[in-house]
């Protein structure tokens, strides 16, 4: 009675049950996802394996395995398992269930009471659990899609450990779909499973339901792309995250941003979003665009891109997509400069093609007396000793003195940077002309 049961025996027992029900795992080792709490040595896994479980609240979006996990915990700890729905039950039902739990306790058997959608209980109903939790009559496992800090009373929270469950990744969903495929009697390539996984948006139940509907609509032994498209009720876009079309689309997005075309950038971004592209991959690429194509022409471009990345991580889907769109627009409208990109390339070229000269003595630290006697640090000019903080000394090796790598453009903030560089060069030259 779990959410992802992959056992052949349970599948064969009742092939008419929904695929999501038949695919519930039988053991914790079969459970996919939530490695941050269930991996080896992680907190919840350690509690289960040591049989030292206390009441917990499982907080996470739909279809990530809250019900399954509660059932597997009961099985692993050999507890009685009583499922309880906050939608269908009230205080009368709570008291009846607690009477059963108390009877089990007297017989030496522990009871896990699983309360689905615990946030739907009001304060008085949640209060009704407290004495039974405190006496140890039950181990309470509550499941909620809402923030427990706002929806679960503080007295119950203080007696429970909250575990946040994450949406399943596309790769995890694809693994589940690949396991489920034999039960549908169909074959399918990874590309179609990837489409279903992307559409499911981290929800295993949605992925299974889509696969089941598409399999039922496919006429032959091969899962049909048209059936998948009908099942998810939207157009399947040609896209392969590891193939050419992936790189074609990200290239189009990057070049649209570089060309200051926000409409084209939004179109190519939307194509990738609709195809189920990894949002953090898109965020990383926007950060790269900010560095490579804008740089110091608008230093805020990098700030905006990093903020978008954090917003995507914090908000998830679909709200995080708006942050990506906002960043793409900002980067498109920013003044462009690849001066920093070219500067690093030129410096690397000199590093590769010229002799690796020793660091000039005046730039070296001299932590010992012997090093001072050898001339380490001799002639160093501390910038803060000068009113304008511009010393006259050279910081490049002798063979590269006077070399310019960073050549700012006249666009955006780089126009002011270029003026500042010229000012620094004049001040430095004037300082060198001063009598020593």
Protein backbone atom coordinates (compact mmCIF):
# COMPACT_ATOMS: atom_id res chain seq x y z
CA UNK A 1 0.00 0.00 0.00
CA UNK A 2 2.75 2.48 -1.04
CA UNK A 3 3.18 5.07 -3.80
CA UNK A 4 5.80 3.48 -6.07
CA UNK A 5 5.46 -0.30 -5.62
CA UNK A 6 7.72 -2.05 -8.13
CA UNK A 7 7.28 -5.56 -6.77
CA UNK A 8 6.20 -8.03 -9.52
CA UNK A 9 4.01 -9.92 -7.06
CA UNK A 10 1.96 -6.86 -6.13
CA UNK A 11 1.75 -5.79 -9.77
CA UNK A 12 0.46 -9.17 -10.86
CA UNK A 13 -2.00 -9.33 -7.99
CA UNK A 14 -4.24 -6.66 -9.43
CA UNK A 15 -3.34 -5.34 -12.87
CA UNK A 16 -6.48 -3.18 -12.88
CA UNK A 17 -5.14 -0.83 -10.20
CA UNK A 18 -3.70 2.49 -11.35
CA UNK A 19 -0.08 2.29 -12.47
CA UNK A 20 0.99 4.71 -9.73
CA UNK A 21 -0.47 2.35 -7.13
CA UNK A 22 1.17 -0.74 -8.64
CA UNK A 23 4.55 0.99 -8.76
CA UNK A 24 4.86 1.68 -5.05
CA UNK A 25 8.18 0.31 -3.74
CA UNK A 26 8.28 -2.56 -1.31
CA UNK A 27 11.44 -1.47 0.52
CA UNK A 28 13.33 1.71 1.33
CA UNK A 29 16.09 0.61 -1.07
CA UNK A 30 13.58 0.74 -3.94
CA UNK A 31 12.48 4.25 -3.01
CA UNK A 32 13.70 6.85 -5.51
CA UNK A 33 14.59 10.39 -4.46
CA UNK A 34 14.98 12.30 -1.18
CA UNK A 35 18.62 11.28 -0.80
CA UNK A 36 19.17 14.31 1.45
CA UNK A 37 17.17 12.58 4.21
CA UNK A 38 17.18 8.91 3.16
CA UNK A 39 20.71 8.39 1.85
CA UNK A 40 23.21 6.35 3.88
CA UNK A 41 23.86 8.07 7.20
CA UNK A 42 21.21 10.74 6.62
CA UNK A 43 18.93 11.67 9.53
CA UNK A 44 15.64 9.95 8.68
CA UNK A 45 17.37 6.83 7.37
CA UNK A 46 19.39 6.62 10.60
CA UNK A 47 16.23 6.96 12.72
CA UNK A 48 14.50 4.18 10.78
CA UNK A 49 17.45 1.78 10.80
CA UNK A 50 18.09 2.31 14.51
CA UNK A 51 14.36 1.86 15.17
CA UNK A 52 14.41 5.13 17.06
CA UNK A 53 11.63 6.92 15.23
CA UNK A 54 9.75 9.85 16.72
CA UNK A 55 6.78 11.76 15.29
CA UNK A 56 7.60 13.48 12.00
CA UNK A 57 6.03 15.89 9.55
CA UNK A 58 6.73 15.18 5.87
CA UNK A 59 6.49 18.45 3.98
CA UNK A 60 6.67 18.50 0.22
CA UNK A 61 4.82 18.95 -3.08
CA UNK A 62 2.41 16.32 -4.45
CA UNK A 63 3.76 13.09 -5.86
CA UNK A 64 7.16 12.99 -4.15
CA UNK A 65 6.44 9.96 -1.97
CA UNK A 66 5.05 11.19 1.36
CA UNK A 67 2.42 8.44 1.64
CA UNK A 68 4.84 5.83 0.33
CA UNK A 69 7.53 6.84 2.77
CA UNK A 70 5.16 6.65 5.74
CA UNK A 71 4.12 3.12 4.72
CA UNK A 72 7.71 1.99 4.22
CA UNK A 73 8.67 3.39 7.62
CA UNK A 74 5.88 1.37 9.26
CA UNK A 75 7.00 -1.75 7.42
CA UNK A 76 10.69 -1.25 8.30
CA UNK A 77 9.93 -0.61 11.98
CA UNK A 78 7.24 -3.33 12.21
CA UNK A 79 4.60 -0.91 13.44
CA UNK A 80 0.86 -1.04 12.98
CA UNK A 81 -0.04 1.42 10.23
CA UNK A 82 -3.27 3.42 10.38
CA UNK A 83 -3.86 5.82 7.47
CA UNK A 84 -6.04 8.79 8.33
CA UNK A 85 -7.35 11.53 6.05
CA UNK A 86 -7.74 15.06 7.35
CA UNK A 87 -10.25 15.67 4.56
CA UNK A 88 -12.66 12.96 5.68
CA UNK A 89 -12.20 12.82 9.46
CA UNK A 90 -12.97 14.86 12.57
CA UNK A 91 -12.41 14.64 16.33
CA UNK A 92 -14.87 11.74 16.69
CA UNK A 93 -12.85 9.66 14.23
CA UNK A 94 -9.59 10.72 15.90
CA UNK A 95 -10.78 9.42 19.27
CA UNK A 96 -11.88 6.11 17.74
CA UNK A 97 -8.51 5.60 16.07
CA UNK A 98 -6.66 6.55 19.25
CA UNK A 99 -8.62 3.94 21.20
CA UNK A 100 -7.31 1.31 18.74
CA UNK A 101 -3.75 2.67 19.09
CA UNK A 102 -3.96 2.52 22.90
CA UNK A 103 -5.16 -1.08 22.72
CA UNK A 104 -2.22 -1.96 20.45
CA UNK A 105 0.18 -0.32 22.93
CA UNK A 106 -1.14 -2.47 25.76
CA UNK A 107 -0.44 -5.51 23.58
CA UNK A 108 3.14 -4.27 23.10
CA UNK A 109 2.64 -3.15 19.50
CA UNK A 110 3.53 0.32 18.29
CA UNK A 111 1.24 2.29 16.00
CA UNK A 112 2.13 4.74 13.27
CA UNK A 113 -0.78 7.07 12.59
CA UNK A 114 -0.36 8.58 9.14
CA UNK A 115 -2.35 11.79 8.74
CA UNK A 116 -2.54 12.87 5.12
CA UNK A 117 -3.01 16.60 4.50
CA UNK A 118 -2.61 17.35 8.20
CA UNK A 119 -2.77 21.08 7.41
CA UNK A 120 -6.51 20.67 6.78
CA UNK A 121 -7.14 19.93 10.46
CA UNK A 122 -8.07 22.99 12.52
CA UNK A 123 -6.35 23.85 15.82
CA UNK A 124 -8.81 21.91 17.98
CA UNK A 125 -8.47 18.79 15.83
CA UNK A 126 -4.67 18.99 15.89
CA UNK A 127 -4.77 19.51 19.68
CA UNK A 128 -6.60 16.19 19.96
CA UNK A 129 -3.43 14.34 18.89
CA UNK A 130 -1.21 15.85 21.58
CA UNK A 131 -1.91 13.63 24.61
CA UNK A 132 -1.52 10.47 22.52
CA UNK A 133 1.77 11.67 21.02
CA UNK A 134 3.07 12.68 24.46
CA UNK A 135 2.12 9.35 26.06
CA UNK A 136 3.69 7.43 23.21
CA UNK A 137 0.43 5.76 22.20
CA UNK A 138 1.20 6.70 18.59
CA UNK A 139 4.03 7.77 16.35
CA UNK A 140 2.48 10.52 14.29
CA UNK A 141 3.53 10.96 10.67
CA UNK A 142 1.83 13.97 9.15
CA UNK A 143 2.00 14.80 5.44
CA UNK A 144 1.46 18.29 4.11
CA UNK A 145 2.03 20.33 1.00
CA UNK A 146 1.86 23.55 3.05
CA UNK A 147 4.54 25.15 5.20
CA UNK A 148 4.17 23.46 8.62
CA UNK A 149 5.30 26.63 10.38
CA UNK A 150 2.02 28.23 9.35
CA UNK A 151 -0.34 25.25 9.20
CA UNK A 152 0.64 22.96 12.09
CA UNK A 153 0.17 24.09 15.71
CA UNK A 154 3.40 24.90 17.57
CA UNK A 155 2.75 22.29 20.30
CA UNK A 156 2.64 19.53 17.68
CA UNK A 157 5.62 20.96 15.78
CA UNK A 158 7.74 21.01 18.94
CA UNK A 159 7.07 17.28 19.39
CA UNK A 160 7.83 16.38 15.76
CA UNK A 161 10.76 16.50 13.39
CA UNK A 162 9.97 18.26 10.10
CA UNK A 163 11.52 16.76 6.95
CA UNK A 164 11.26 18.74 3.71
CA UNK A 165 10.84 16.51 0.66
CA UNK A 166 12.02 17.82 -2.70
CA UNK A 167 10.42 17.51 -6.15
CA UNK A 168 11.87 14.54 -8.00
CA UNK A 169 14.45 15.36 -10.63
CA UNK A 170 13.88 14.57 -14.29
CA UNK A 171 16.47 11.80 -14.04
CA UNK A 172 14.71 10.27 -11.02
CA UNK A 173 11.35 10.41 -12.78
CA UNK A 174 12.82 8.84 -15.88
CA UNK A 175 14.17 5.98 -13.75
CA UNK A 176 10.69 5.41 -12.31
CA UNK A 177 9.10 5.52 -15.76
CA UNK A 178 11.66 3.06 -17.13
CA UNK A 179 10.77 0.69 -14.26
CA UNK A 180 7.06 1.08 -14.95
CA UNK A 181 7.25 0.60 -18.72
CA UNK A 182 7.04 -3.24 -18.66
CA UNK A 183 3.73 -3.03 -16.79
CA UNK A 184 2.25 -1.04 -19.69
CA UNK A 185 3.26 -3.62 -22.29
CA UNK A 186 4.91 -0.90 -24.37
CA UNK A 187 8.42 0.06 -25.48
CA UNK A 188 9.66 3.65 -25.48
CA UNK A 189 12.86 5.55 -26.07
CA UNK A 190 14.45 7.80 -23.47
CA UNK A 191 13.37 10.91 -25.40
CA UNK A 192 9.65 10.24 -24.86
CA UNK A 193 10.20 9.32 -21.22
CA UNK A 194 12.16 12.54 -20.85
CA UNK A 195 9.20 14.48 -22.23
CA UNK A 196 6.83 12.84 -19.75
CA UNK A 197 9.25 13.41 -16.87
CA UNK A 198 9.67 17.07 -17.80
CA UNK A 199 5.92 17.58 -18.00
CA UNK A 200 5.39 15.89 -14.62
CA UNK A 201 7.30 18.71 -12.92
CA UNK A 202 8.74 16.61 -10.10
CA UNK A 203 5.48 14.67 -9.46
CA UNK A 204 5.84 10.89 -9.81
CA UNK A 205 2.09 10.30 -9.70
CA UNK A 206 1.56 12.69 -12.61
CA UNK A 207 4.34 10.96 -14.55
CA UNK A 208 2.80 7.52 -14.02
CA UNK A 209 -0.68 8.74 -14.96
CA UNK A 210 0.63 10.30 -18.16
CA UNK A 211 2.54 7.16 -19.10
CA UNK A 212 -0.51 4.99 -18.39
CA UNK A 213 -2.80 7.20 -20.49
CA UNK A 214 -0.31 7.35 -23.37
CA UNK A 215 0.20 3.58 -23.29
CA UNK A 216 -3.54 2.99 -23.45
CA UNK A 217 -3.82 5.28 -26.47
CA UNK A 218 -0.88 3.76 -28.36
CA UNK A 219 -2.02 1.24 -30.98
CA UNK A 220 1.09 -0.90 -31.31
CA UNK A 221 3.87 -2.08 -29.01
CA UNK A 222 5.79 1.19 -29.30
CA UNK A 223 4.70 4.15 -27.20
CA UNK A 224 3.47 6.76 -29.64
CA UNK A 225 4.67 10.36 -29.54
CA UNK A 226 1.17 11.46 -30.58
CA UNK A 227 -0.34 9.52 -27.67
CA UNK A 228 2.06 11.17 -25.24
CA UNK A 229 1.20 14.56 -26.73
CA UNK A 230 -2.51 13.87 -26.29
CA UNK A 231 -1.95 12.61 -22.72
CA UNK A 232 -0.18 15.75 -21.61
CA UNK A 233 -2.48 17.91 -23.75
CA UNK A 234 0.23 20.03 -25.23
CA UNK A 235 2.53 19.95 -28.21
CA UNK A 236 5.66 17.83 -27.82
CA UNK A 237 8.62 19.93 -28.89
CA UNK A 238 11.56 18.42 -30.73
CA UNK A 239 14.16 18.39 -28.01
CA UNK A 240 16.92 16.14 -26.76
CA UNK A 241 18.79 17.34 -23.71
CA UNK A 242 21.90 15.45 -24.77
CA UNK A 243 21.63 15.99 -28.52
CA UNK A 244 21.90 18.61 -31.23
CA UNK A 245 18.56 20.33 -30.71
CA UNK A 246 19.48 21.12 -27.10
CA UNK A 247 22.62 22.90 -28.25
CA UNK A 248 20.82 24.58 -31.15
CA UNK A 249 18.29 26.16 -28.80
CA UNK A 250 20.73 27.31 -26.13
CA UNK A 251 22.89 28.78 -28.90
CA UNK A 252 19.88 30.67 -30.24
CA UNK A 253 19.07 31.99 -26.76
CA UNK A 254 22.64 33.08 -26.10
CA UNK A 255 23.04 34.81 -29.44
CA UNK A 256 19.68 36.57 -29.10
CA UNK A 257 20.75 38.00 -25.74
CA UNK A 258 24.12 39.00 -27.17
CA UNK A 259 22.32 40.73 -30.05
CA UNK A 260 20.13 42.72 -27.63
CA UNK A 261 16.92 41.13 -28.92
CA UNK A 262 14.67 40.50 -25.88
CA UNK A 263 11.76 39.14 -27.92
CA UNK A 264 13.89 36.47 -29.59
CA UNK A 265 15.52 35.67 -26.25
CA UNK A 266 12.11 35.15 -24.64
CA UNK A 267 10.97 32.93 -27.52
CA UNK A 268 13.98 30.61 -27.33
CA UNK A 269 13.79 30.58 -23.54
CA UNK A 270 10.10 29.63 -23.72
CA UNK A 271 10.92 26.83 -26.18
CA UNK A 272 13.37 25.34 -23.69
CA UNK A 273 11.05 25.81 -20.72
CA UNK A 274 8.15 24.12 -22.51
CA UNK A 275 10.40 21.23 -23.52
CA UNK A 276 11.20 20.60 -19.85
CA UNK A 277 14.77 21.89 -19.75
CA UNK A 278 16.50 21.86 -16.37
CA UNK A 279 15.89 25.33 -14.93
CA UNK A 280 19.23 25.43 -13.12
CA UNK A 281 21.00 24.73 -16.41
CA UNK A 282 19.25 27.76 -17.93
CA UNK A 283 20.17 29.85 -14.89
CA UNK A 284 23.82 28.86 -15.24
CA UNK A 285 23.81 29.82 -18.91
CA UNK A 286 22.32 33.23 -18.13
CA UNK A 287 25.09 33.79 -15.57
CA UNK A 288 27.61 32.93 -18.26
CA UNK A 289 26.02 35.41 -20.67
CA UNK A 290 26.23 38.14 -18.03
CA UNK A 291 29.96 37.52 -17.62
CA UNK A 292 30.91 36.79 -21.23
CA UNK A 293 28.84 39.32 -23.18
CA UNK A 294 28.10 42.15 -20.74
CA UNK A 295 30.77 42.11 -18.06
CA UNK A 296 31.61 45.50 -16.62
CA UNK A 297 29.56 47.37 -19.20
CA UNK A 298 26.76 46.69 -16.67
CA UNK A 299 28.08 45.07 -13.46
CA UNK A 300 24.47 44.56 -12.28
CA UNK A 301 23.89 42.02 -15.04
CA UNK A 302 25.77 39.40 -13.04
CA UNK A 303 23.86 40.37 -9.89
CA UNK A 304 20.54 39.98 -11.73
CA UNK A 305 21.56 36.58 -13.12
CA UNK A 306 22.67 35.25 -9.73
CA UNK A 307 19.45 36.59 -8.20
CA UNK A 308 17.44 34.76 -10.89
CA UNK A 309 19.32 31.54 -10.15
CA UNK A 310 18.54 31.87 -6.44
CA UNK A 311 14.89 32.69 -7.18
CA UNK A 312 14.54 29.56 -9.32
CA UNK A 313 16.05 27.46 -6.54
CA UNK A 314 13.87 29.12 -3.89
CA UNK A 315 10.55 29.26 -5.75
CA UNK A 316 10.67 26.18 -7.96
CA UNK A 317 8.15 25.83 -10.77
CA UNK A 318 6.33 27.56 -12.31
CA UNK A 319 7.12 30.85 -10.52
CA UNK A 320 10.87 30.47 -11.02
CA UNK A 321 10.39 30.64 -14.79
CA UNK A 322 9.43 34.30 -14.43
CA UNK A 323 12.79 35.00 -12.80
CA UNK A 324 14.57 33.41 -15.77
CA UNK A 325 12.49 35.50 -18.18
CA UNK A 326 13.24 38.67 -16.23
CA UNK A 327 16.97 37.94 -16.31
CA UNK A 328 16.88 37.20 -20.05
CA UNK A 329 15.17 40.55 -20.70
CA UNK A 330 17.62 42.43 -18.47
CA UNK A 331 20.65 40.84 -20.14
CA UNK A 332 19.22 41.52 -23.60
CA UNK A 333 18.76 45.21 -22.80
CA UNK A 334 22.14 45.66 -21.09
CA UNK A 335 25.06 47.36 -22.90
CA UNK A 336 27.38 44.69 -24.27
CA UNK A 337 31.09 44.13 -23.77
CA UNK A 338 33.34 41.12 -24.17
CA UNK A 339 36.38 43.09 -22.99
CA UNK A 340 36.78 40.96 -19.85
CA UNK A 341 36.45 37.76 -21.87
CA UNK A 342 39.09 38.94 -24.35
CA UNK A 343 41.34 40.23 -21.57
CA UNK A 344 41.50 36.85 -19.83
CA UNK A 345 42.13 35.13 -23.17
CA UNK A 346 45.04 37.47 -23.95
CA UNK A 347 46.56 37.01 -20.50
CA UNK A 348 46.28 33.22 -20.80
CA UNK A 349 47.95 33.35 -24.20
CA UNK A 350 50.94 35.19 -22.73
CA UNK A 351 51.09 32.71 -19.85
CA UNK A 352 51.22 29.84 -22.35
CA UNK A 353 53.61 31.44 -24.85
CA UNK A 354 56.12 33.34 -22.69
CA UNK A 355 58.59 32.24 -20.07
CA UNK A 356 57.14 31.92 -16.57
CA UNK A 357 59.23 34.70 -15.05
CA UNK A 358 59.77 34.79 -11.28
CA UNK A 359 57.61 37.17 -9.26
CA UNK A 360 59.48 40.51 -8.97
CA UNK A 361 61.16 40.83 -5.59
CA UNK A 362 59.23 43.96 -4.64
CA UNK A 363 55.93 42.04 -4.90
CA UNK A 364 57.04 39.23 -2.61
CA UNK A 365 56.31 39.04 1.09
CA UNK A 366 59.28 38.83 3.47
CA UNK A 367 58.11 37.00 6.61
CA UNK A 368 61.68 36.14 7.71
CA UNK A 369 64.82 38.23 8.28
CA UNK A 370 66.74 36.15 5.75
CA UNK A 371 64.16 36.88 3.05
CA UNK A 372 64.42 40.58 3.79
CA UNK A 373 68.22 40.33 3.43
CA UNK A 374 67.73 38.63 0.07
CA UNK A 375 65.72 41.63 -1.13
CA UNK A 376 62.19 40.28 -0.77
CA UNK A 377 59.75 43.20 -0.59
CA UNK A 378 62.45 45.81 -1.27
CA UNK A 379 61.03 48.76 -3.20
CA UNK A 380 57.38 47.85 -2.59
CA UNK A 381 55.14 50.92 -2.64
CA UNK A 382 52.02 50.55 -0.46
CA UNK A 383 49.13 52.17 -2.33
CA UNK A 384 47.49 53.58 0.80
CA UNK A 385 50.56 55.66 1.55
CA UNK A 386 49.63 57.90 -1.37
CA UNK A 387 46.77 60.37 -1.36
CA UNK A 388 45.34 59.00 -4.62
CA UNK A 389 46.29 55.37 -3.75
CA UNK A 390 48.23 55.08 -7.04
CA UNK A 391 51.86 53.93 -6.67
CA UNK A 392 54.33 54.21 -9.54
CA UNK A 393 55.74 50.69 -9.36
CA UNK A 394 55.29 47.99 -12.02
CA UNK A 395 53.43 44.82 -11.09
CA UNK A 396 54.05 42.79 -14.28
CA UNK A 397 57.24 40.80 -14.92
CA UNK A 398 59.92 42.84 -16.75
CA UNK A 399 59.30 41.27 -20.19
CA UNK A 400 55.58 42.18 -20.06
CA UNK A 401 55.77 45.64 -18.55
CA UNK A 402 53.40 48.07 -20.25
CA UNK A 403 51.22 45.26 -21.61
CA UNK A 404 47.47 45.99 -21.68
CA UNK A 405 45.04 43.09 -21.49
CA UNK A 406 41.81 44.75 -20.43
CA UNK A 407 40.68 47.24 -23.07
CA UNK A 408 37.22 48.46 -22.03
CA UNK A 409 34.68 49.53 -24.60
CA UNK A 410 32.94 52.88 -24.61
CA UNK A 411 29.59 51.25 -23.77
CA UNK A 412 27.71 51.44 -20.49
CA UNK A 413 29.77 51.56 -17.31
CA UNK A 414 32.89 50.62 -19.27
CA UNK A 415 33.02 54.14 -20.66
CA UNK A 416 33.65 55.40 -17.11
CA UNK A 417 36.05 52.52 -16.46
CA UNK A 418 38.05 53.44 -19.56
CA UNK A 419 38.30 57.03 -18.35
CA UNK A 420 39.43 55.81 -14.92
CA UNK A 421 42.12 53.60 -16.48
CA UNK A 422 43.51 56.53 -18.42
CA UNK A 423 43.53 58.60 -15.22
CA UNK A 424 45.42 55.82 -13.36
CA UNK A 425 48.00 55.56 -16.14
CA UNK A 426 48.63 59.32 -16.03
CA UNK A 427 48.95 59.32 -12.22
CA UNK A 428 51.26 56.30 -12.28
CA UNK A 429 53.53 57.88 -14.89
CA UNK A 430 53.61 61.14 -12.93
CA UNK A 431 54.56 59.23 -9.78
CA UNK A 432 57.47 57.58 -11.59
CA UNK A 433 58.77 60.99 -12.62
CA UNK A 434 58.84 62.22 -9.04
CA UNK A 435 62.32 62.42 -7.49
CA UNK A 436 62.95 59.49 -5.16
